[in-house]
């Protein structure tokens, strides 16, 4: 009988210890969850910021706005506001797409100039040759944003065997790049382009090394076409369109 009070006291102590352990575990889990979901403010591009755009223009031109994101999703070097400590003379060193978080490394020294051509750092200048009707009737000009498409002939495929025609593939090569220079003058109006439909036009693009490699190979293997873009233009990579046809039988096949 004397041991019953002792057992009761021990049971109460064990219950208290267990309750305390559960409380501290739950409290610790809540703290971990809160820390993981803690929000931080970052600067996000609201429209494309072309390579070479000065920071002063970004700060004053409505290129970006602040948003709250989970702290775990924000890069360590993310800029938090327009008033961030970035030199006003700094420029975007590469093209920044809408929705991207602005980081300090995206802005650096002014691009280098080679003669009269200004090349944004760390990009390269590469000139391509396109038919006169492949540069948007001459409306592609210095400073334009363009998408680059390639059209290539496939030498052998099951489509060729089935239809007897020559298959071609059309694919977007670069969704959005900046134009540095164009060899043809811009049209004077939209009531019929003043550009000639004959001959070729030289277009100089600002590209990364990987982009330049793709363009050089595509130019060697097939034809290139340019599409003129605005800030609101949707442009993204996909699997392309494969087409084969036999004109004599009016058979036409398109597939992705």
C-alpha atoms as a PDB file:
ATOM      1  CA  UNK A   1       0.000   0.000   0.000  1.00  0.00           C
ATOM      2  CA  UNK A   2       2.857   2.356   0.798  1.00  0.00           C
ATOM      3  CA  UNK A   3       4.225   1.944  -2.733  1.00  0.00           C
ATOM      4  CA  UNK A   4       0.985   3.019  -4.454  1.00  0.00           C
ATOM      5  CA  UNK A   5       1.468   6.796  -3.807  1.00  0.00           C
ATOM      6  CA  UNK A   6       5.014   6.506  -5.096  1.00  0.00           C
ATOM      7  CA  UNK A   7       3.819   4.817  -8.291  1.00  0.00           C
ATOM      8  CA  UNK A   8       1.147   7.472  -8.752  1.00  0.00           C
ATOM      9  CA  UNK A   9       3.728  10.240  -8.367  1.00  0.00           C
ATOM     10  CA  UNK A  10       6.060   8.524 -10.857  1.00  0.00           C
ATOM     11  CA  UNK A  11       3.221   8.150 -13.340  1.00  0.00           C
ATOM     12  CA  UNK A  12       2.375  11.829 -13.037  1.00  0.00           C
ATOM     13  CA  UNK A  13       6.025  12.767 -13.544  1.00  0.00           C
ATOM     14  CA  UNK A  14       6.282  10.556 -16.633  1.00  0.00           C
ATOM     15  CA  UNK A  15       3.085  12.084 -18.020  1.00  0.00           C
ATOM     16  CA  UNK A  16       4.429  15.594 -17.466  1.00  0.00           C
ATOM     17  CA  UNK A  17       7.747  14.705 -19.099  1.00  0.00           C
ATOM     18  CA  UNK A  18       5.958  13.157 -22.079  1.00  0.00           C
ATOM     19  CA  UNK A  19       3.675  16.152 -22.476  1.00  0.00           C
ATOM     20  CA  UNK A  20       6.627  18.520 -22.301  1.00  0.00           C
ATOM     21  CA  UNK A  21       8.540  16.533 -24.905  1.00  0.00           C
ATOM     22  CA  UNK A  22       5.580  16.591 -27.294  1.00  0.00           C
ATOM     23  CA  UNK A  23       5.111  20.337 -26.742  1.00  0.00           C
ATOM     24  CA  UNK A  24       8.740  21.165 -27.426  1.00  0.00           C
ATOM     25  CA  UNK A  25       8.783  18.925 -30.534  1.00  0.00           C
ATOM     26  CA  UNK A  26       5.666  20.566 -31.972  1.00  0.00           C
ATOM     27  CA  UNK A  27       6.953  24.047 -31.122  1.00  0.00           C
ATOM     28  CA  UNK A  28      10.282  23.249 -32.783  1.00  0.00           C
ATOM     29  CA  UNK A  29       8.524  21.916 -35.908  1.00  0.00           C
ATOM     30  CA  UNK A  30       6.388  25.048 -36.105  1.00  0.00           C
ATOM     31  CA  UNK A  31       9.502  27.199 -35.873  1.00  0.00           C
ATOM     32  CA  UNK A  32      11.191  25.224 -38.649  1.00  0.00           C
ATOM     33  CA  UNK A  33       8.117  25.547 -40.852  1.00  0.00           C
ATOM     34  CA  UNK A  34       7.862  29.285 -40.221  1.00  0.00           C
ATOM     35  CA  UNK A  35      11.536  29.791 -41.010  1.00  0.00           C
ATOM     36  CA  UNK A  36      11.158  27.818 -44.240  1.00  0.00           C
ATOM     37  CA  UNK A  37       8.183  29.907 -45.321  1.00  0.00           C
ATOM     38  CA  UNK A  38       9.601  33.244 -44.206  1.00  0.00           C
ATOM     39  CA  UNK A  39       9.151  35.762 -47.015  1.00  0.00           C
ATOM     40  CA  UNK A  40      11.755  38.132 -48.364  1.00  0.00           C
ATOM     41  CA  UNK A  41      11.466  41.011 -50.831  1.00  0.00           C
ATOM     42  CA  UNK A  42      13.211  40.752 -54.206  1.00  0.00           C
ATOM     43  CA  UNK A  43      13.271  42.763 -57.420  1.00  0.00           C
ATOM     44  CA  UNK A  44      11.653  40.953 -60.379  1.00  0.00           C
ATOM     45  CA  UNK A  45      11.794  41.956 -64.053  1.00  0.00           C
ATOM     46  CA  UNK A  46       8.348  43.001 -65.319  1.00  0.00           C
ATOM     47  CA  UNK A  47       9.495  43.211 -68.944  1.00  0.00           C
ATOM     48  CA  UNK A  48      12.583  42.176 -70.839  1.00  0.00           C
ATOM     49  CA  UNK A  49      15.749  44.059 -69.950  1.00  0.00           C
ATOM     50  CA  UNK A  50      17.973  43.883 -73.063  1.00  0.00           C
ATOM     51  CA  UNK A  51      21.699  43.402 -72.595  1.00  0.00           C
ATOM     52  CA  UNK A  52      23.387  46.777 -72.299  1.00  0.00           C
ATOM     53  CA  UNK A  53      20.455  48.500 -70.543  1.00  0.00           C
ATOM     54  CA  UNK A  54      21.838  50.919 -67.897  1.00  0.00           C
ATOM     55  CA  UNK A  55      20.812  50.361 -64.287  1.00  0.00           C
ATOM     56  CA  UNK A  56      19.604  53.959 -64.180  1.00  0.00           C
ATOM     57  CA  UNK A  57      17.106  53.130 -66.944  1.00  0.00           C
ATOM     58  CA  UNK A  58      15.981  49.998 -65.112  1.00  0.00           C
ATOM     59  CA  UNK A  59      15.406  52.028 -61.952  1.00  0.00           C
ATOM     60  CA  UNK A  60      13.470  54.745 -63.757  1.00  0.00           C
ATOM     61  CA  UNK A  61      11.825  52.921 -66.658  1.00  0.00           C
ATOM     62  CA  UNK A  62       9.407  50.481 -65.054  1.00  0.00           C
ATOM     63  CA  UNK A  63      11.513  47.454 -65.933  1.00  0.00           C
ATOM     64  CA  UNK A  64      11.121  45.796 -62.527  1.00  0.00           C
ATOM     65  CA  UNK A  65       8.985  45.701 -59.383  1.00  0.00           C
ATOM     66  CA  UNK A  66       9.318  44.250 -55.894  1.00  0.00           C
ATOM     67  CA  UNK A  67       7.713  40.948 -54.957  1.00  0.00           C
ATOM     68  CA  UNK A  68       7.634  38.744 -51.868  1.00  0.00           C
ATOM     69  CA  UNK A  69       8.992  35.227 -52.294  1.00  0.00           C
ATOM     70  CA  UNK A  70       9.943  32.445 -49.843  1.00  0.00           C
ATOM     71  CA  UNK A  71      13.375  33.146 -48.436  1.00  0.00           C
ATOM     72  CA  UNK A  72      14.553  29.722 -49.578  1.00  0.00           C
ATOM     73  CA  UNK A  73      13.702  30.642 -53.208  1.00  0.00           C
ATOM     74  CA  UNK A  74      15.636  33.923 -53.296  1.00  0.00           C
ATOM     75  CA  UNK A  75      19.257  33.909 -54.562  1.00  0.00           C
ATOM     76  CA  UNK A  76      21.779  35.147 -52.025  1.00  0.00           C
ATOM     77  CA  UNK A  77      22.705  38.069 -54.305  1.00  0.00           C
ATOM     78  CA  UNK A  78      19.114  39.040 -55.197  1.00  0.00           C
ATOM     79  CA  UNK A  79      18.442  42.778 -55.356  1.00  0.00           C
ATOM     80  CA  UNK A  80      15.714  43.832 -52.955  1.00  0.00           C
ATOM     81  CA  UNK A  81      14.661  47.214 -54.361  1.00  0.00           C
ATOM     82  CA  UNK A  82      15.205  49.849 -57.039  1.00  0.00           C
ATOM     83  CA  UNK A  83      17.288  51.778 -54.516  1.00  0.00           C
ATOM     84  CA  UNK A  84      19.775  48.895 -54.217  1.00  0.00           C
ATOM     85  CA  UNK A  85      23.430  49.876 -54.088  1.00  0.00           C
ATOM     86  CA  UNK A  86      24.145  49.412 -57.812  1.00  0.00           C
ATOM     87  CA  UNK A  87      26.160  51.985 -59.740  1.00  0.00           C
ATOM     88  CA  UNK A  88      23.852  53.920 -62.052  1.00  0.00           C
ATOM     89  CA  UNK A  89      26.402  53.518 -64.861  1.00  0.00           C
ATOM     90  CA  UNK A  90      26.274  49.712 -64.607  1.00  0.00           C
ATOM     91  CA  UNK A  91      24.494  47.922 -67.444  1.00  0.00           C
ATOM     92  CA  UNK A  92      22.758  44.576 -67.871  1.00  0.00           C
ATOM     93  CA  UNK A  93      25.475  42.141 -68.942  1.00  0.00           C
ATOM     94  CA  UNK A  94      22.944  39.782 -70.543  1.00  0.00           C
ATOM     95  CA  UNK A  95      19.294  39.804 -71.574  1.00  0.00           C
ATOM     96  CA  UNK A  96      16.993  39.440 -68.557  1.00  0.00           C
ATOM     97  CA  UNK A  97      13.582  37.916 -69.254  1.00  0.00           C
ATOM     98  CA  UNK A  98      10.290  38.924 -67.552  1.00  0.00           C
ATOM     99  CA  UNK A  99       9.762  37.111 -64.263  1.00  0.00           C
ATOM    100  CA  UNK A 100      13.455  36.673 -63.506  1.00  0.00           C
ATOM    101  CA  UNK A 101      14.764  37.798 -60.118  1.00  0.00           C
ATOM    102  CA  UNK A 102      17.386  40.513 -60.538  1.00  0.00           C
ATOM    103  CA  UNK A 103      20.747  39.603 -59.051  1.00  0.00           C
ATOM    104  CA  UNK A 104      23.749  41.839 -58.488  1.00  0.00           C
ATOM    105  CA  UNK A 105      25.894  39.845 -60.943  1.00  0.00           C
ATOM    106  CA  UNK A 106      23.512  40.752 -63.791  1.00  0.00           C
ATOM    107  CA  UNK A 107      24.814  44.335 -63.827  1.00  0.00           C
ATOM    108  CA  UNK A 108      28.380  45.347 -64.510  1.00  0.00           C
ATOM    109  CA  UNK A 109      30.642  47.640 -66.513  1.00  0.00           C
ATOM    110  CA  UNK A 110      29.524  49.268 -69.743  1.00  0.00           C
ATOM    111  CA  UNK A 111      29.865  47.073 -72.840  1.00  0.00           C
ATOM    112  CA  UNK A 112      33.008  47.299 -74.895  1.00  0.00           C
ATOM    113  CA  UNK A 113      33.023  49.056 -78.253  1.00  0.00           C
ATOM    114  CA  UNK A 114      34.858  47.702 -81.282  1.00  0.00           C
ATOM    115  CA  UNK A 115      34.994  50.542 -83.778  1.00  0.00           C
ATOM    116  CA  UNK A 116      31.437  51.885 -83.942  1.00  0.00           C
ATOM    117  CA  UNK A 117      29.906  48.574 -82.796  1.00  0.00           C
ATOM    118  CA  UNK A 118      29.027  48.308 -79.112  1.00  0.00           C
ATOM    119  CA  UNK A 119      29.063  44.720 -77.845  1.00  0.00           C
ATOM    120  CA  UNK A 120      27.432  44.006 -74.465  1.00  0.00           C
ATOM    121  CA  UNK A 121      29.739  42.143 -72.096  1.00  0.00           C
ATOM    122  CA  UNK A 122      30.186  39.143 -72.011  1.00  0.00           C
ATOM    123  CA  UNK A 123      28.391  38.567 -75.323  1.00  0.00           C
ATOM    124  CA  UNK A 124      29.829  38.154 -78.812  1.00  0.00           C
ATOM    125  CA  UNK A 125      28.818  39.851 -82.055  1.00  0.00           C
ATOM    126  CA  UNK A 126      27.941  37.437 -84.857  1.00  0.00           C
ATOM    127  CA  UNK A 127      26.677  38.377 -88.331  1.00  0.00           C
ATOM    128  CA  UNK A 128      24.237  36.185 -90.222  1.00  0.00           C
ATOM    129  CA  UNK A 129      23.004  36.462 -93.789  1.00  0.00           C
ATOM    130  CA  UNK A 130      19.262  36.158 -94.388  1.00  0.00           C
ATOM    131  CA  UNK A 131      17.102  36.628 -97.491  1.00  0.00           C
ATOM    132  CA  UNK A 132      15.509  40.061 -97.798  1.00  0.00           C
ATOM    133  CA  UNK A 133      12.108  38.552 -97.007  1.00  0.00           C
ATOM    134  CA  UNK A 134      13.475  36.876 -93.866  1.00  0.00           C
ATOM    135  CA  UNK A 135      14.190  40.047 -91.871  1.00  0.00           C
ATOM    136  CA  UNK A 136      10.541  41.157 -91.490  1.00  0.00           C
ATOM    137  CA  UNK A 137      10.572  43.250 -94.677  1.00  0.00           C
ATOM    138  CA  UNK A 138      13.364  45.455 -93.354  1.00  0.00           C
ATOM    139  CA  UNK A 139      11.707  46.363 -90.063  1.00  0.00           C
ATOM    140  CA  UNK A 140      14.418  44.530 -88.096  1.00  0.00           C
ATOM    141  CA  UNK A 141      16.818  47.316 -87.135  1.00  0.00           C
ATOM    142  CA  UNK A 142      19.555  48.190 -84.639  1.00  0.00           C
ATOM    143  CA  UNK A 143      18.281  47.554 -81.112  1.00  0.00           C
ATOM    144  CA  UNK A 144      15.468  45.234 -82.226  1.00  0.00           C
ATOM    145  CA  UNK A 145      14.628  42.094 -80.302  1.00  0.00           C
ATOM    146  CA  UNK A 146      14.226  39.088 -82.593  1.00  0.00           C
ATOM    147  CA  UNK A 147      13.574  35.374 -82.534  1.00  0.00           C
ATOM    148  CA  UNK A 148      15.758  33.284 -84.857  1.00  0.00           C
ATOM    149  CA  UNK A 149      14.162  30.372 -86.742  1.00  0.00           C
ATOM    150  CA  UNK A 150      15.959  27.714 -88.740  1.00  0.00           C
ATOM    151  CA  UNK A 151      14.630  25.606 -91.600  1.00  0.00           C
ATOM    152  CA  UNK A 152      16.572  22.462 -92.455  1.00  0.00           C
ATOM    153  CA  UNK A 153      16.101  19.641 -94.926  1.00  0.00           C
ATOM    154  CA  UNK A 154      16.181  16.106 -93.549  1.00  0.00           C
ATOM    155  CA  UNK A 155      17.962  13.721 -95.859  1.00  0.00           C
ATOM    156  CA  UNK A 156      16.538  10.431 -94.619  1.00  0.00           C
ATOM    157  CA  UNK A 157      13.436   9.626 -92.587  1.00  0.00           C
ATOM    158  CA  UNK A 158      10.439   7.297 -92.489  1.00  0.00           C
ATOM    159  CA  UNK A 159       8.296  10.227 -93.676  1.00  0.00           C
ATOM    160  CA  UNK A 160      10.448  10.446 -96.784  1.00  0.00           C
ATOM    161  CA  UNK A 161       9.966   6.720 -97.417  1.00  0.00           C
ATOM    162  CA  UNK A 162       6.192   6.864 -96.911  1.00  0.00           C
ATOM    163  CA  UNK A 163       5.406   9.977 -98.955  1.00  0.00           C
ATOM    164  CA  UNK A 164       8.271  10.132-101.370  1.00  0.00           C
ATOM    165  CA  UNK A 165       8.691  13.843-100.634  1.00  0.00           C
ATOM    166  CA  UNK A 166      11.538  15.762 -99.053  1.00  0.00           C
ATOM    167  CA  UNK A 167      10.973  16.398 -95.330  1.00  0.00           C
ATOM    168  CA  UNK A 168      11.889  19.711 -93.730  1.00  0.00           C
ATOM    169  CA  UNK A 169      11.950  20.799 -90.107  1.00  0.00           C
ATOM    170  CA  UNK A 170      11.215  24.328 -88.923  1.00  0.00           C
ATOM    171  CA  UNK A 171      12.339  25.167 -85.396  1.00  0.00           C
ATOM    172  CA  UNK A 172      12.893  28.214 -83.241  1.00  0.00           C
ATOM    173  CA  UNK A 173      16.624  28.389 -82.696  1.00  0.00           C
ATOM    174  CA  UNK A 174      16.868  31.365 -80.323  1.00  0.00           C
ATOM    175  CA  UNK A 175      13.680  32.675 -78.647  1.00  0.00           C
ATOM    176  CA  UNK A 176      14.943  36.225 -78.073  1.00  0.00           C
ATOM    177  CA  UNK A 177      18.228  38.003 -78.862  1.00  0.00           C
ATOM    178  CA  UNK A 178      19.305  41.594 -79.490  1.00  0.00           C
ATOM    179  CA  UNK A 179      20.219  43.049 -82.886  1.00  0.00           C
ATOM    180  CA  UNK A 180      23.396  45.149 -82.920  1.00  0.00           C
ATOM    181  CA  UNK A 181      23.451  46.207 -86.568  1.00  0.00           C
ATOM    182  CA  UNK A 182      21.660  45.700 -89.901  1.00  0.00           C
ATOM    183  CA  UNK A 183      23.026  46.335 -93.383  1.00  0.00           C
ATOM    184  CA  UNK A 184      19.722  47.637 -94.822  1.00  0.00           C
ATOM    185  CA  UNK A 185      17.967  50.906 -94.038  1.00  0.00           C
ATOM    186  CA  UNK A 186      14.641  50.815 -92.249  1.00  0.00           C
ATOM    187  CA  UNK A 187      11.396  51.258 -94.250  1.00  0.00           C
ATOM    188  CA  UNK A 188       9.930  54.736 -94.133  1.00  0.00           C
ATOM    189  CA  UNK A 189       6.329  53.604 -93.571  1.00  0.00           C
ATOM    190  CA  UNK A 190       4.124  50.569 -92.983  1.00  0.00           C
ATOM    191  CA  UNK A 191       2.174  51.105 -96.232  1.00  0.00           C
ATOM    192  CA  UNK A 192       4.309  48.626 -98.085  1.00  0.00           C
ATOM    193  CA  UNK A 193       7.913  48.105 -97.103  1.00  0.00           C
ATOM    194  CA  UNK A 194      10.624  49.964 -98.958  1.00  0.00           C
ATOM    195  CA  UNK A 195      12.914  46.978 -98.577  1.00  0.00           C
ATOM    196  CA  UNK A 196      13.796  45.064-101.712  1.00  0.00           C
ATOM    197  CA  UNK A 197      12.525  41.495-101.955  1.00  0.00           C
ATOM    198  CA  UNK A 198      15.732  40.432-103.712  1.00  0.00           C
ATOM    199  CA  UNK A 199      19.208  39.835-102.362  1.00  0.00           C
ATOM    200  CA  UNK A 200      20.339  39.289 -98.786  1.00  0.00           C
ATOM    201  CA  UNK A 201      20.567  41.315 -95.609  1.00  0.00           C
ATOM    202  CA  UNK A 202      23.383  41.129 -93.056  1.00  0.00           C
ATOM    203  CA  UNK A 203      22.179  41.152 -89.452  1.00  0.00           C
ATOM    204  CA  UNK A 204      24.608  41.304 -86.513  1.00  0.00           C
ATOM    205  CA  UNK A 205      23.367  39.707 -83.285  1.00  0.00           C
ATOM    206  CA  UNK A 206      24.600  39.815 -79.674  1.00  0.00           C
ATOM    207  CA  UNK A 207      24.985  36.179 -78.613  1.00  0.00           C
ATOM    208  CA  UNK A 208      26.491  33.972 -75.970  1.00  0.00           C
ATOM    209  CA  UNK A 209      29.065  31.440 -77.119  1.00  0.00           C
ATOM    210  CA  UNK A 210      26.507  28.610 -77.017  1.00  0.00           C
ATOM    211  CA  UNK A 211      23.997  30.650 -79.026  1.00  0.00           C
ATOM    212  CA  UNK A 212      26.662  31.542 -81.591  1.00  0.00           C
ATOM    213  CA  UNK A 213      27.579  27.879 -82.017  1.00  0.00           C
ATOM    214  CA  UNK A 214      23.939  26.994 -82.726  1.00  0.00           C
ATOM    215  CA  UNK A 215      23.500  29.838 -85.204  1.00  0.00           C
ATOM    216  CA  UNK A 216      26.708  29.076 -87.140  1.00  0.00           C
ATOM    217  CA  UNK A 217      25.737  25.416 -87.516  1.00  0.00           C
ATOM    218  CA  UNK A 218      22.133  26.215 -88.477  1.00  0.00           C
ATOM    219  CA  UNK A 219      23.306  28.749 -91.101  1.00  0.00           C
ATOM    220  CA  UNK A 220      25.588  26.098 -92.594  1.00  0.00           C
ATOM    221  CA  UNK A 221      22.877  23.421 -92.725  1.00  0.00           C
ATOM    222  CA  UNK A 222      19.852  25.446 -93.785  1.00  0.00           C
ATOM    223  CA  UNK A 223      18.108  28.812 -93.890  1.00  0.00           C
ATOM    224  CA  UNK A 224      17.528  31.331 -91.104  1.00  0.00           C
ATOM    225  CA  UNK A 225      14.501  33.582 -90.623  1.00  0.00           C
ATOM    226  CA  UNK A 226      13.957  36.387 -88.128  1.00  0.00           C
ATOM    227  CA  UNK A 227      10.772  37.302 -86.271  1.00  0.00           C
ATOM    228  CA  UNK A 228      10.478  40.808 -84.826  1.00  0.00           C
ATOM    229  CA  UNK A 229       9.454  40.861 -81.152  1.00  0.00           C
ATOM    230  CA  UNK A 230       7.932  43.343 -78.736  1.00  0.00           C
ATOM    231  CA  UNK A 231       8.148  43.174 -74.945  1.00  0.00           C
ATOM    232  CA  UNK A 232       4.786  41.366 -74.975  1.00  0.00           C
ATOM    233  CA  UNK A 233       5.669  38.833 -77.692  1.00  0.00           C
ATOM    234  CA  UNK A 234       5.537  35.200 -76.573  1.00  0.00           C
ATOM    235  CA  UNK A 235       8.623  33.323 -77.732  1.00  0.00           C
ATOM    236  CA  UNK A 236       9.970  30.052 -76.342  1.00  0.00           C
ATOM    237  CA  UNK A 237      11.754  26.922 -77.497  1.00  0.00           C
ATOM    238  CA  UNK A 238       9.729  23.880 -78.573  1.00  0.00           C
ATOM    239  CA  UNK A 239      10.178  20.704 -80.586  1.00  0.00           C
ATOM    240  CA  UNK A 240       9.559  22.436 -83.933  1.00  0.00           C
ATOM    241  CA  UNK A 241       7.410  21.452 -86.899  1.00  0.00           C
ATOM    242  CA  UNK A 242       8.243  18.617 -89.287  1.00  0.00           C
ATOM    243  CA  UNK A 243       6.666  18.815 -92.732  1.00  0.00           C
ATOM    244  CA  UNK A 244       6.780  16.662 -95.838  1.00  0.00           C
ATOM    245  CA  UNK A 245       4.705  16.874 -98.994  1.00  0.00           C
ATOM    246  CA  UNK A 246       4.254  15.505-102.459  1.00  0.00           C
ATOM    247  CA  UNK A 247       2.939  18.326-104.603  1.00  0.00           C
ATOM    248  CA  UNK A 248       1.734  16.054-107.404  1.00  0.00           C
ATOM    249  CA  UNK A 249      -0.740  14.285-105.123  1.00  0.00           C
ATOM    250  CA  UNK A 250      -1.458  17.316-102.955  1.00  0.00           C
ATOM    251  CA  UNK A 251      -0.416  15.323 -99.899  1.00  0.00           C
ATOM    252  CA  UNK A 252       0.834  17.417 -97.004  1.00  0.00           C
ATOM    253  CA  UNK A 253       1.828  16.243 -93.539  1.00  0.00           C
ATOM    254  CA  UNK A 254       2.757  18.325 -90.500  1.00  0.00           C
ATOM    255  CA  UNK A 255       3.848  16.833 -87.194  1.00  0.00           C
ATOM    256  CA  UNK A 256       5.729  17.781 -84.049  1.00  0.00           C
END
